[in-house]
Every structure is written in C-alpha cells, then in structure tokens.
Amino acid sequence: MTKSIDAITRLFRACEPNEALQPGDVRYVNCDDVRGENLVQTYVRSLRRADPAKPEVKLFAGHRGVGKTCELNRVKASLETPQSAENPYRPFRVIYMDATEKLDLNDLDLPDLLTFIASEVVTQLRAANLPGFDPVSTYLTRIWDEIRSALGKEVVLKEAGVETGFGSLALELKNRPNSRQALRRAIEMHSTGLVGAVNDMLVTANVKCRQNGCEGLVLIVDGLERLVFRTLDGGGSTHDRLFIDRSEQLAGLKAHTIYTVPISLFYSPRCAELEQTFGEHNVPVPMIRLHESDVPAIVPDAPGMLKMREMIEARCRHAQVNVADVFDDPDTGRYLCEMTGGHPRHLMMFLQAAMNAVESLPITRAAAEKGVRNYANSLLREVPDEYWPKLRAFAKPQSDMPKDEAHQKMLLLLHVFEYMNGSPWYEVNPVIRTLARFQRKGK
C-alpha cells in the first residue's frame, strides 16, 4: 500500500469490513484459540478421512461477518495442500462458488441453486483441464436440451449452448424476477435429471482426479447463509423451504460438499430433520470470546481482547501506520473492541466509522463513540417492539436459546451473539446494552 496516500486513508482502506481475507493475507489473524472450536481442522480431517465412495455433506454456519468465508478459504487451502513429508494426504480439487454473485438471496429456491451449481461445476471443471475428462456429457446435453425446450418461447437465453447455458439461465433467474416462476417450473420438471447429470459429471471427475494425483472433488457453496428469512404463506420460512424441505436433493450430490447456512437454522424447531439428512450435529462458527461465560466482566488483557487488538495491529502493518498513532488513548481502542462483542466485521465497521468522524489520526474517544452510536441508532430502528423484553433476558450469559422464530431472527440479525467454551452461551449484542430502551423495564 503506497505511502503517498495519507495515513488515515491507508488505514481506512485496510479495514474494509466486507473483504474476505485469504490465509496468506498479512491482515489475517487466526482466532481458533479464542473461539473455543477449531472448525477448520475438524472439517479438513473429516473430509480427508471420509470414504470417497460415500460423499460427506457438511453445513457451515455462523453469525454474519464472523469470518465464515475466511475460514472456508482456510479449508480450501488446507485441502489443496500438495502431498509432502509434512502432509501425508493427497490434495483435493476444490470447486469454490459464491452464491451471492449470481443468485438473488431475497428470493431463492432449489431450481435456482441447482442451476447455479451445474453452471459452476461445468465452468470450473472445464478450466481445470483434467486429462481425459470432458464435463459436457451426452447426459448433461440431453437434460439441457429438455430444460431449454420446456422454457418454450417465454424466455430466450443469450447463451444457449450447454457449456454456457446454465450460467446464462442462472443470471436470468437472478435478473428477471417477473419470469422467475416460469423458469423454475421448467427446471423443476427436470430437476431429477439435472441432479443425475451433474452427479454423472462429478463421479467421472472424481475418478479422473484420483487418476491424476488428487484425492477427489470438494464443492464449497458459500453465501447461502445470507438467504433472507421470510415467513411463507401456509407456514414455514424461506430457510426451511430450501435447507430442510429440499435437504435430500442438497445432500444428493456425488462429491464432498460444504454449504453455508443461516445460523438461525440450527435453532429451528425442525433442526432435527436437517441433521437426520446431513448426518451430524453441526457447530456454528462462534464469536471471539472477550470473557468467559461464568465471568461476565471484560478484562482488558483477556485473550479475546488481545486478539481484537492483534487484528487492529495487522491492519496497521498493512497500511504502514504506527498503531500507537491510531487512538488518542489506549482506552479508546479498548472501547471499540469491547463494543464489538468479539465480532470481527463490526470492529472494521467501527474503525471506519470512527475514522470518518475525524480529519486525521488519532481517533478520539468522541469519534469512536459516534461510530458506535450510528450502529446503535440503526439497531433502535430495526429491533421490533416485541423483541425488547426477550432481549433483556440475555443481559447476562444464558446457556440456551429458545427455538421460536423470534429468537431465530435475533441470532440472524445479530441482536444476540453465540459464544463457545466447551458448551455454547448467548449474550445480547453489547451495542444494544447502550440503548436506553434496553435498560428500562417493560416494553
């Protein structure tokens, strides 16, 4: 990062909250020891040890902004590590796909997702250029022709060939909401065949991978945790419709697969149905612990607080800024860390908001409080009236989270945070604590 730009601008750019970091990025900080769970290690071990003939399907959840994509990048890098004296395992070929790029997460159903997966698998396997392998089989071509025929004259695709057609269809599903139901009907009519054709491709690709020095394929479908929660007519929700009602199809791909899912799904009354299909008890990526569940007071030199400080230091190094010059007082930095509740993206958001409140470094306490207050005001507008009494129950650490829709949304919308220290516990978002409405009794 060039020093010709002033220090506060360099640091502001280094703190981009929506950028998912790769493991080798100098800004990346490993937080396994203060989360309470090393999920990356667990997932990698499980996939390496699984029988290639019996694909594993895993769900990956966590609060928005907790660092799921960063952790999935670590999973991908670890699985792709070449075999060596230090690593006795053959590498996998990982197909990573981000659903946010080509799907409308305000309105998503299985046909959209199947089309997207088919498109990404075809495109990325073609780019991999596996010796002796062609992703476009006769089977896939026949299914594509049937789907295109079912579309009739209602939709004319710009790219009609099988290699690019699924990608074109996925974009139509995203960009043409008025035609979405017609498109879905056409795909749904042939969904069994589409899954079969994709699986035919995956099975063949797995064989070719093993013949060419790899252990096989792993699919990572990221971004699905952002699927909007909406109650459907007749009961259930958009989350239930995709991940529970259609779980058999999601679990039916013939390759190891990881799906990101909304954290609230693990607290649905129907979670048991989900785990019956996917076959394991899932653990969300927890927040960074700023204290222990039985000692609610935050200590400045607690491991979690030191880890948040380490994140700031890593961003400063990248921006070539002396961390001692960032805050007017060390307490200002500690205040911002404490207000995050251990949420990495919120730390970056608060830092940027505080920097926007000053002309140059250092960040003053007043600027830090203004940055937090902006978020607090948005929460005050957002939290429904009926949630406030429920939120007050989490003023102190709680060992359980009720399984109703209101509490699912509290987790999804970051009103309540989940932590892990052997067993989970739940606390209200610390910024909500600052609101006068939270502090008073009643509604």
Protein backbone atom coordinates (compact mmCIF):
# COMPACT_ATOMS: atom_id res chain seq x y z
CA MET A 1 0.00 0.00 0.00
CA THR A 2 1.58 3.27 -1.15
CA LYS A 3 2.66 5.86 1.40
CA SER A 4 1.76 8.73 -0.96
CA ILE A 5 -1.77 8.47 0.44
CA ASP A 6 -2.26 9.92 3.93
CA ALA A 7 -2.18 7.55 6.91
CA ILE A 8 -5.87 7.67 7.81
CA THR A 9 -6.90 6.88 4.23
CA ARG A 10 -4.48 3.95 4.06
CA LEU A 11 -5.82 2.56 7.32
CA PHE A 12 -9.43 3.14 6.27
CA ARG A 13 -8.87 1.09 3.11
CA ALA A 14 -7.08 -1.64 5.06
CA CYS A 15 -10.16 -2.02 7.30
CA GLU A 16 -12.67 -2.87 4.55
CA PRO A 17 -15.28 -4.87 6.53
CA ASN A 18 -16.74 -6.82 3.61
CA GLU A 19 -13.49 -8.20 2.21
CA ALA A 20 -12.94 -11.90 2.95
CA LEU A 21 -9.23 -12.47 3.60
CA GLN A 22 -7.15 -15.34 2.28
CA PRO A 23 -4.98 -17.31 4.78
CA GLY A 24 -1.78 -15.76 3.39
CA ASP A 25 -3.04 -12.17 3.71
CA VAL A 26 -0.94 -10.20 6.21
CA ARG A 27 -4.18 -8.82 7.69
CA TYR A 28 -5.46 -12.29 8.56
CA VAL A 29 -5.44 -13.25 12.25
CA ASN A 30 -6.08 -16.84 13.36
CA CYS A 31 -8.75 -16.83 16.07
CA ASP A 32 -9.14 -20.55 16.77
CA ASP A 33 -7.86 -20.28 20.34
CA VAL A 34 -10.42 -17.64 21.37
CA ARG A 35 -13.43 -19.08 19.57
CA GLY A 36 -13.49 -22.33 21.54
CA GLU A 37 -13.68 -24.52 18.42
CA ASN A 38 -11.21 -25.20 15.59
CA LEU A 39 -13.81 -25.95 12.94
CA VAL A 40 -11.36 -25.73 10.03
CA GLN A 41 -9.24 -28.53 11.43
CA THR A 42 -12.35 -30.61 12.20
CA TYR A 43 -13.79 -30.23 8.69
CA VAL A 44 -10.49 -30.94 6.94
CA ARG A 45 -9.88 -34.06 9.00
CA SER A 46 -13.38 -35.34 8.37
CA LEU A 47 -13.20 -34.86 4.60
CA ARG A 48 -9.77 -36.46 4.35
CA ARG A 49 -10.85 -39.49 6.37
CA ALA A 50 -14.20 -39.99 4.64
CA ASP A 51 -14.71 -42.82 2.14
CA PRO A 52 -14.54 -41.19 -1.34
CA ALA A 53 -17.36 -43.50 -2.42
CA LYS A 54 -19.61 -42.05 0.31
CA PRO A 55 -19.52 -38.26 -0.07
CA GLU A 56 -19.72 -36.15 3.06
CA VAL A 57 -22.15 -33.21 3.11
CA LYS A 58 -21.47 -30.55 5.73
CA LEU A 59 -23.19 -27.39 6.87
CA PHE A 60 -21.17 -24.31 7.82
CA ALA A 61 -22.90 -21.61 9.85
CA GLY A 62 -22.11 -18.61 11.99
CA HIS A 63 -23.12 -15.01 12.59
CA ARG A 64 -22.91 -12.69 9.60
CA GLY A 65 -19.45 -11.16 9.47
CA VAL A 66 -17.91 -13.61 11.94
CA GLY A 67 -15.41 -14.75 9.30
CA LYS A 68 -17.02 -17.80 7.68
CA THR A 69 -15.61 -17.10 4.22
CA CYS A 70 -12.12 -16.57 5.69
CA GLU A 71 -12.44 -19.93 7.45
CA LEU A 72 -13.68 -21.62 4.27
CA ASN A 73 -10.68 -20.16 2.46
CA ARG A 74 -8.54 -21.91 5.08
CA VAL A 75 -10.43 -25.17 4.50
CA LYS A 76 -9.85 -24.83 0.75
CA ALA A 77 -6.15 -24.03 1.13
CA SER A 78 -5.60 -26.93 3.52
CA LEU A 79 -7.40 -29.44 1.29
CA GLU A 80 -5.42 -28.27 -1.75
CA THR A 81 -2.04 -28.53 0.01
CA PRO A 82 0.26 -30.82 -2.04
CA GLN A 83 1.34 -34.12 -0.54
CA SER A 84 4.70 -33.92 1.25
CA ALA A 85 6.67 -35.32 4.17
CA GLU A 86 4.76 -32.94 6.46
CA ASN A 87 1.39 -33.66 4.79
CA PRO A 88 0.79 -37.34 4.00
CA TYR A 89 -2.58 -36.67 2.34
CA ARG A 90 -3.16 -36.29 -1.38
CA PRO A 91 -4.72 -32.93 -2.26
CA PHE A 92 -8.33 -32.42 -3.25
CA ARG A 93 -9.51 -30.32 -6.15
CA VAL A 94 -11.83 -27.75 -4.58
CA ILE A 95 -14.60 -26.03 -6.53
CA TYR A 96 -15.50 -22.88 -4.60
CA MET A 97 -18.62 -20.96 -5.61
CA ASP A 98 -20.13 -17.80 -4.12
CA ALA A 99 -23.92 -17.77 -4.35
CA THR A 100 -24.07 -14.01 -3.74
CA GLU A 101 -22.54 -13.34 -7.16
CA LYS A 102 -25.21 -14.99 -9.31
CA LEU A 103 -28.28 -15.69 -7.15
CA ASP A 104 -30.99 -13.47 -5.68
CA LEU A 105 -30.87 -14.27 -1.97
CA ASN A 106 -34.06 -12.30 -1.37
CA ASP A 107 -35.93 -15.00 -3.27
CA LEU A 108 -34.08 -18.29 -3.73
CA ASP A 109 -35.38 -21.79 -4.29
CA LEU A 110 -33.86 -25.14 -5.20
CA PRO A 111 -34.13 -24.77 -9.03
CA ASP A 112 -32.05 -21.59 -8.87
CA LEU A 113 -29.41 -23.26 -6.72
CA LEU A 114 -29.21 -26.43 -8.84
CA THR A 115 -28.76 -24.32 -11.98
CA PHE A 116 -26.03 -22.28 -10.32
CA ILE A 117 -24.17 -25.39 -9.10
CA ALA A 118 -24.41 -27.00 -12.55
CA SER A 119 -23.01 -23.84 -14.13
CA GLU A 120 -20.09 -23.55 -11.71
CA VAL A 121 -19.17 -27.24 -11.88
CA VAL A 122 -19.15 -27.22 -15.70
CA THR A 123 -17.17 -23.96 -15.89
CA GLN A 124 -14.57 -24.82 -13.25
CA LEU A 125 -14.04 -28.41 -14.35
CA ARG A 126 -13.58 -27.19 -17.91
CA ALA A 127 -10.96 -24.70 -16.66
CA ALA A 128 -9.24 -27.46 -14.64
CA ASN A 129 -8.49 -29.30 -17.89
CA LEU A 130 -8.39 -32.75 -16.28
CA PRO A 131 -6.68 -35.21 -18.64
CA GLY A 132 -9.22 -37.45 -20.35
CA PHE A 133 -12.26 -35.60 -18.94
CA ASP A 134 -14.97 -33.57 -20.69
CA PRO A 135 -17.54 -32.01 -18.34
CA VAL A 136 -20.16 -31.84 -21.11
CA SER A 137 -21.50 -35.38 -21.35
CA THR A 138 -24.29 -36.70 -23.57
CA TYR A 139 -26.42 -36.98 -20.43
CA LEU A 140 -25.90 -33.31 -19.47
CA THR A 141 -26.52 -32.18 -23.05
CA ARG A 142 -29.82 -34.08 -23.18
CA ILE A 143 -31.03 -32.58 -19.89
CA TRP A 144 -30.05 -29.10 -21.05
CA ASP A 145 -31.96 -29.54 -24.29
CA GLU A 146 -35.03 -30.70 -22.34
CA ILE A 147 -34.89 -27.71 -19.99
CA ARG A 148 -34.42 -25.28 -22.86
CA SER A 149 -37.35 -26.87 -24.69
CA ALA A 150 -39.52 -26.57 -21.55
CA LEU A 151 -38.76 -22.85 -21.42
CA GLY A 152 -40.56 -22.53 -24.73
CA LYS A 153 -40.80 -19.07 -26.21
CA GLU A 154 -41.24 -17.34 -22.84
CA VAL A 155 -37.50 -16.93 -22.29
CA VAL A 156 -34.83 -16.57 -24.93
CA LEU A 157 -31.36 -17.11 -23.49
CA LYS A 158 -28.42 -15.14 -24.82
CA GLU A 159 -26.16 -18.18 -24.33
CA ALA A 160 -27.98 -21.34 -25.42
CA GLY A 161 -25.10 -23.84 -25.60
CA VAL A 162 -24.77 -26.38 -22.80
CA GLU A 163 -21.34 -25.13 -21.68
CA THR A 164 -22.55 -21.56 -21.04
CA GLY A 165 -26.30 -22.13 -20.95
CA PHE A 166 -26.61 -22.99 -17.25
CA GLY A 167 -24.73 -19.82 -16.35
CA SER A 168 -27.00 -17.80 -18.61
CA LEU A 169 -30.06 -19.43 -17.04
CA ALA A 170 -28.77 -18.66 -13.53
CA LEU A 171 -28.42 -15.00 -14.46
CA GLU A 172 -31.94 -14.98 -15.91
CA LEU A 173 -33.24 -16.36 -12.61
CA LYS A 174 -31.49 -13.56 -10.74
CA ASN A 175 -32.22 -10.66 -13.06
CA ARG A 176 -35.75 -11.42 -14.25
CA PRO A 177 -37.95 -11.82 -11.17
CA ASN A 178 -41.12 -11.50 -13.28
CA SER A 179 -40.15 -14.63 -15.23
CA ARG A 180 -38.72 -16.48 -12.24
CA GLN A 181 -41.67 -18.79 -11.61
CA ALA A 182 -41.83 -19.87 -15.25
CA LEU A 183 -38.10 -20.54 -15.24
CA ARG A 184 -38.35 -22.53 -12.01
CA ARG A 185 -41.21 -24.65 -13.34
CA ALA A 186 -39.16 -25.59 -16.38
CA ILE A 187 -36.15 -26.54 -14.24
CA GLU A 188 -38.25 -28.30 -11.60
CA MET A 189 -39.78 -30.56 -14.26
CA HIS A 190 -36.29 -31.87 -14.97
CA SER A 191 -34.66 -31.42 -11.55
CA THR A 192 -34.16 -35.17 -11.01
CA GLY A 193 -32.48 -35.47 -14.37
CA LEU A 194 -30.39 -32.36 -13.73
CA VAL A 195 -29.09 -33.74 -10.42
CA GLY A 196 -28.40 -37.04 -12.18
CA ALA A 197 -26.47 -35.36 -14.98
CA VAL A 198 -24.43 -33.26 -12.54
CA ASN A 199 -23.71 -36.38 -10.48
CA ASP A 200 -22.64 -38.26 -13.60
CA MET A 201 -20.18 -35.44 -14.24
CA LEU A 202 -18.98 -35.40 -10.61
CA VAL A 203 -18.44 -39.17 -10.44
CA THR A 204 -16.40 -39.15 -13.65
CA ALA A 205 -14.42 -36.11 -12.50
CA ASN A 206 -13.67 -37.78 -9.16
CA VAL A 207 -12.28 -40.81 -10.99
CA LYS A 208 -10.10 -38.63 -13.22
CA CYS A 209 -8.89 -36.64 -10.20
CA ARG A 210 -7.75 -39.82 -8.46
CA GLN A 211 -6.03 -40.99 -11.63
CA ASN A 212 -4.12 -37.71 -11.76
CA GLY A 213 -2.75 -37.42 -8.22
CA CYS A 214 -5.73 -35.93 -6.37
CA GLU A 215 -8.00 -37.49 -3.77
CA GLY A 216 -11.15 -36.19 -5.49
CA LEU A 217 -13.50 -33.22 -5.57
CA VAL A 218 -14.85 -30.98 -2.81
CA LEU A 219 -17.60 -28.46 -3.55
CA ILE A 220 -17.90 -25.36 -1.35
CA VAL A 221 -21.13 -23.39 -1.82
CA ASP A 222 -20.66 -20.11 0.05
CA GLY A 223 -23.04 -17.19 0.58
CA LEU A 224 -26.23 -19.18 1.26
CA GLU A 225 -26.22 -18.01 4.88
CA ARG A 226 -27.39 -14.64 3.55
CA LEU A 227 -30.70 -16.09 2.36
CA VAL A 228 -33.38 -13.71 3.62
CA PHE A 229 -35.59 -15.10 6.39
CA ARG A 230 -39.23 -14.69 5.43
CA THR A 231 -42.33 -16.45 6.75
CA LEU A 232 -44.18 -18.19 3.93
CA ASP A 233 -47.90 -18.42 3.35
CA GLY A 234 -49.11 -21.65 4.92
CA GLY A 235 -46.30 -21.73 7.48
CA GLY A 236 -42.58 -22.36 7.46
CA SER A 237 -39.91 -19.99 6.22
CA THR A 238 -37.63 -19.46 3.25
CA HIS A 239 -34.87 -21.14 5.27
CA ASP A 240 -36.99 -24.22 5.92
CA ARG A 241 -38.09 -24.39 2.28
CA LEU A 242 -34.56 -24.60 0.88
CA PHE A 243 -32.48 -26.30 3.56
CA ILE A 244 -34.99 -28.65 5.20
CA ASP A 245 -37.77 -29.36 2.71
CA ARG A 246 -35.22 -29.85 -0.09
CA SER A 247 -32.41 -31.28 2.06
CA GLU A 248 -32.47 -34.68 0.31
CA GLN A 249 -31.62 -33.02 -3.01
CA LEU A 250 -28.92 -30.86 -1.43
CA ALA A 251 -27.38 -33.93 0.18
CA GLY A 252 -27.58 -35.92 -3.04
CA LEU A 253 -24.52 -34.60 -4.89
CA LYS A 254 -21.84 -37.21 -5.57
CA ALA A 255 -18.93 -35.21 -4.17
CA HIS A 256 -17.94 -33.94 -0.75
CA THR A 257 -19.93 -30.72 -0.32
CA ILE A 258 -19.96 -27.86 2.19
CA TYR A 259 -22.93 -25.48 2.24
CA THR A 260 -23.01 -22.30 4.28
CA VAL A 261 -26.39 -21.93 6.01
CA PRO A 262 -28.01 -19.29 8.24
CA ILE A 263 -27.11 -19.72 11.92
CA SER A 264 -30.78 -19.42 12.83
CA LEU A 265 -31.43 -22.73 11.08
CA PHE A 266 -29.61 -24.59 13.87
CA TYR A 267 -32.21 -23.21 16.30
CA SER A 268 -35.24 -24.05 14.22
CA PRO A 269 -37.81 -26.45 15.73
CA ARG A 270 -37.12 -28.52 12.59
CA CYS A 271 -33.35 -28.73 13.10
CA ALA A 272 -33.61 -32.46 13.92
CA GLU A 273 -34.93 -33.08 10.38
CA LEU A 274 -31.90 -31.26 9.00
CA GLU A 275 -29.45 -33.36 10.98
CA GLN A 276 -31.21 -36.60 10.04
CA THR A 277 -30.43 -35.82 6.41
CA PHE A 278 -26.92 -34.41 6.80
CA GLY A 279 -25.95 -36.91 9.45
CA GLU A 280 -24.07 -34.95 12.08
CA HIS A 281 -24.51 -32.43 14.87
CA ASN A 282 -23.32 -29.13 13.49
CA VAL A 283 -21.47 -26.42 15.43
CA PRO A 284 -21.64 -22.80 14.25
CA VAL A 285 -18.53 -20.65 13.94
CA PRO A 286 -18.75 -18.83 17.29
CA MET A 287 -17.87 -15.27 18.20
CA ILE A 288 -14.49 -14.38 19.69
CA ARG A 289 -14.77 -14.69 23.45
CA LEU A 290 -13.93 -11.41 25.18
CA HIS A 291 -14.57 -13.09 28.55
CA GLU A 292 -15.63 -16.47 29.92
CA SER A 293 -19.31 -17.29 30.36
CA ASP A 294 -19.04 -17.50 34.15
CA VAL A 295 -17.02 -14.27 34.43
CA PRO A 296 -19.10 -11.68 32.55
CA ALA A 297 -16.77 -8.72 33.19
CA ILE A 298 -14.41 -7.94 30.30
CA VAL A 299 -10.75 -7.79 31.31
CA PRO A 300 -8.51 -5.59 29.06
CA ASP A 301 -5.77 -8.24 28.78
CA ALA A 302 -8.14 -11.22 28.34
CA PRO A 303 -7.11 -13.43 25.36
CA GLY A 304 -10.09 -12.33 23.27
CA MET A 305 -9.40 -8.64 23.81
CA LEU A 306 -5.76 -9.20 22.90
CA LYS A 307 -6.89 -10.96 19.73
CA MET A 308 -9.02 -7.95 18.72
CA ARG A 309 -6.01 -5.74 19.37
CA GLU A 310 -3.97 -8.05 17.16
CA MET A 311 -6.50 -7.53 14.34
CA ILE A 312 -6.02 -3.76 14.59
CA GLU A 313 -2.23 -4.16 14.61
CA ALA A 314 -2.37 -6.39 11.50
CA ARG A 315 -4.40 -3.76 9.62
CA CYS A 316 -1.96 -1.05 10.75
CA ARG A 317 1.04 -3.02 9.48
CA HIS A 318 -0.66 -3.49 6.12
CA ALA A 319 -1.43 0.24 5.96
CA GLN A 320 2.08 1.17 7.15
CA VAL A 321 0.64 3.06 10.09
CA ASN A 322 2.07 3.02 13.63
CA VAL A 323 -0.62 1.54 15.88
CA ALA A 324 0.44 3.96 18.63
CA ASP A 325 -0.74 6.82 16.39
CA VAL A 326 -4.24 5.40 15.75
CA PHE A 327 -6.00 6.28 19.03
CA ASP A 328 -5.79 9.32 21.28
CA ASP A 329 -5.69 6.94 24.25
CA PRO A 330 -5.41 3.13 24.57
CA ASP A 331 -8.82 3.15 26.28
CA THR A 332 -10.38 4.39 23.03
CA GLY A 333 -9.16 1.30 21.18
CA ARG A 334 -10.29 -0.94 24.04
CA TYR A 335 -13.71 0.68 23.97
CA LEU A 336 -14.18 -0.13 20.27
CA CYS A 337 -13.04 -3.72 20.82
CA GLU A 338 -15.44 -4.14 23.73
CA MET A 339 -18.37 -2.75 21.74
CA THR A 340 -17.86 -5.37 19.02
CA GLY A 341 -18.67 -8.22 21.40
CA GLY A 342 -15.99 -10.20 19.55
CA HIS A 343 -17.47 -9.63 16.08
CA PRO A 344 -14.59 -9.10 13.59
CA ARG A 345 -16.59 -7.28 10.93
CA HIS A 346 -18.04 -4.88 13.50
CA LEU A 347 -14.51 -3.97 14.56
CA MET A 348 -13.70 -2.94 10.99
CA MET A 349 -17.05 -1.11 10.67
CA PHE A 350 -16.50 0.82 13.90
CA LEU A 351 -12.95 1.72 12.93
CA GLN A 352 -14.06 3.07 9.56
CA ALA A 353 -16.99 4.96 11.09
CA ALA A 354 -14.73 6.50 13.73
CA MET A 355 -12.15 7.50 11.11
CA ASN A 356 -14.88 9.26 9.14
CA ALA A 357 -15.56 11.39 12.22
CA VAL A 358 -12.04 12.89 12.28
CA GLU A 359 -9.91 14.74 9.75
CA SER A 360 -6.75 12.83 10.60
CA LEU A 361 -5.38 10.35 13.13
CA PRO A 362 -5.66 9.81 16.02
CA ILE A 363 -9.21 8.54 16.52
CA THR A 364 -10.64 10.35 19.52
CA ARG A 365 -12.97 8.85 22.11
CA ALA A 366 -15.76 11.14 20.84
CA ALA A 367 -15.23 9.84 17.28
CA ALA A 368 -15.24 6.24 18.48
CA GLU A 369 -18.49 6.79 20.38
CA LYS A 370 -20.05 8.44 17.32
CA GLY A 371 -19.13 5.44 15.17
CA VAL A 372 -20.77 3.06 17.64
CA ARG A 373 -23.77 5.36 18.06
CA ASN A 374 -24.52 5.23 14.32
CA TYR A 375 -24.88 1.45 14.57
CA ALA A 376 -26.84 1.75 17.83
CA ASN A 377 -29.36 4.05 16.16
CA SER A 378 -29.83 1.60 13.30
CA LEU A 379 -30.49 -1.18 15.81
CA LEU A 380 -33.03 1.02 17.62
CA ARG A 381 -34.93 1.46 14.36
CA GLU A 382 -34.60 -2.21 13.42
CA VAL A 383 -35.48 -4.20 16.57
CA PRO A 384 -39.24 -4.97 16.67
CA ASP A 385 -41.16 -3.78 19.74
CA GLU A 386 -41.95 -7.31 20.88
CA TYR A 387 -38.25 -8.28 20.95
CA TRP A 388 -37.12 -5.92 23.71
CA PRO A 389 -38.39 -7.98 26.70
CA LYS A 390 -36.85 -11.10 25.14
CA LEU A 391 -33.51 -9.36 24.58
CA ARG A 392 -33.27 -8.29 28.23
CA ALA A 393 -33.15 -11.97 29.20
CA PHE A 394 -29.67 -12.05 27.56
CA ALA A 395 -28.22 -9.19 29.60
CA LYS A 396 -26.38 -11.96 31.45
CA PRO A 397 -24.92 -15.06 29.74
CA GLN A 398 -27.57 -17.68 29.01
CA SER A 399 -26.87 -21.35 28.31
CA ASP A 400 -29.83 -21.89 25.99
CA MET A 401 -31.60 -20.22 23.09
CA PRO A 402 -35.38 -20.77 22.68
CA LYS A 403 -36.36 -22.42 19.39
CA ASP A 404 -39.03 -19.99 18.17
CA GLU A 405 -38.99 -17.68 15.17
CA ALA A 406 -38.30 -14.53 17.19
CA HIS A 407 -35.14 -15.96 18.73
CA GLN A 408 -34.01 -17.35 15.36
CA LYS A 409 -34.21 -13.83 13.98
CA MET A 410 -32.33 -12.39 16.97
CA LEU A 411 -29.38 -14.62 16.09
CA LEU A 412 -29.69 -13.98 12.37
CA LEU A 413 -29.87 -10.19 12.76
CA LEU A 414 -27.04 -10.01 15.33
CA HIS A 415 -29.20 -8.94 18.25
CA VAL A 416 -27.86 -11.88 20.28
CA PHE A 417 -24.37 -13.38 19.91
CA GLU A 418 -23.35 -17.01 20.37
CA TYR A 419 -20.08 -17.97 22.07
CA MET A 420 -18.40 -21.30 22.76
CA ASN A 421 -16.31 -22.51 25.67
CA GLY A 422 -16.86 -26.26 25.71
CA SER A 423 -20.58 -25.56 25.58
CA PRO A 424 -22.38 -22.59 23.97
CA TRP A 425 -23.67 -19.48 25.68
CA TYR A 426 -25.60 -16.45 24.44
CA GLU A 427 -25.41 -12.74 25.22
CA VAL A 428 -27.07 -9.61 23.90
CA ASN A 429 -25.14 -7.53 21.36
CA PRO A 430 -23.15 -5.10 23.58
CA VAL A 431 -24.25 -2.11 21.49
CA ILE A 432 -27.87 -2.92 22.35
CA ARG A 433 -26.86 -2.68 26.01
CA THR A 434 -26.09 1.02 25.48
CA LEU A 435 -29.63 1.84 24.37
CA ALA A 436 -31.96 3.47 26.88
CA ARG A 437 -34.82 1.29 25.70
CA PHE A 438 -32.90 -1.85 26.59
CA GLN A 439 -32.03 -0.51 30.03
CA ARG A 440 -35.57 0.31 31.08
CA LYS A 441 -38.06 -2.30 32.25
CA GLY A 442 -41.18 -3.34 30.38
CA LYS A 443 -41.65 -2.79 26.65
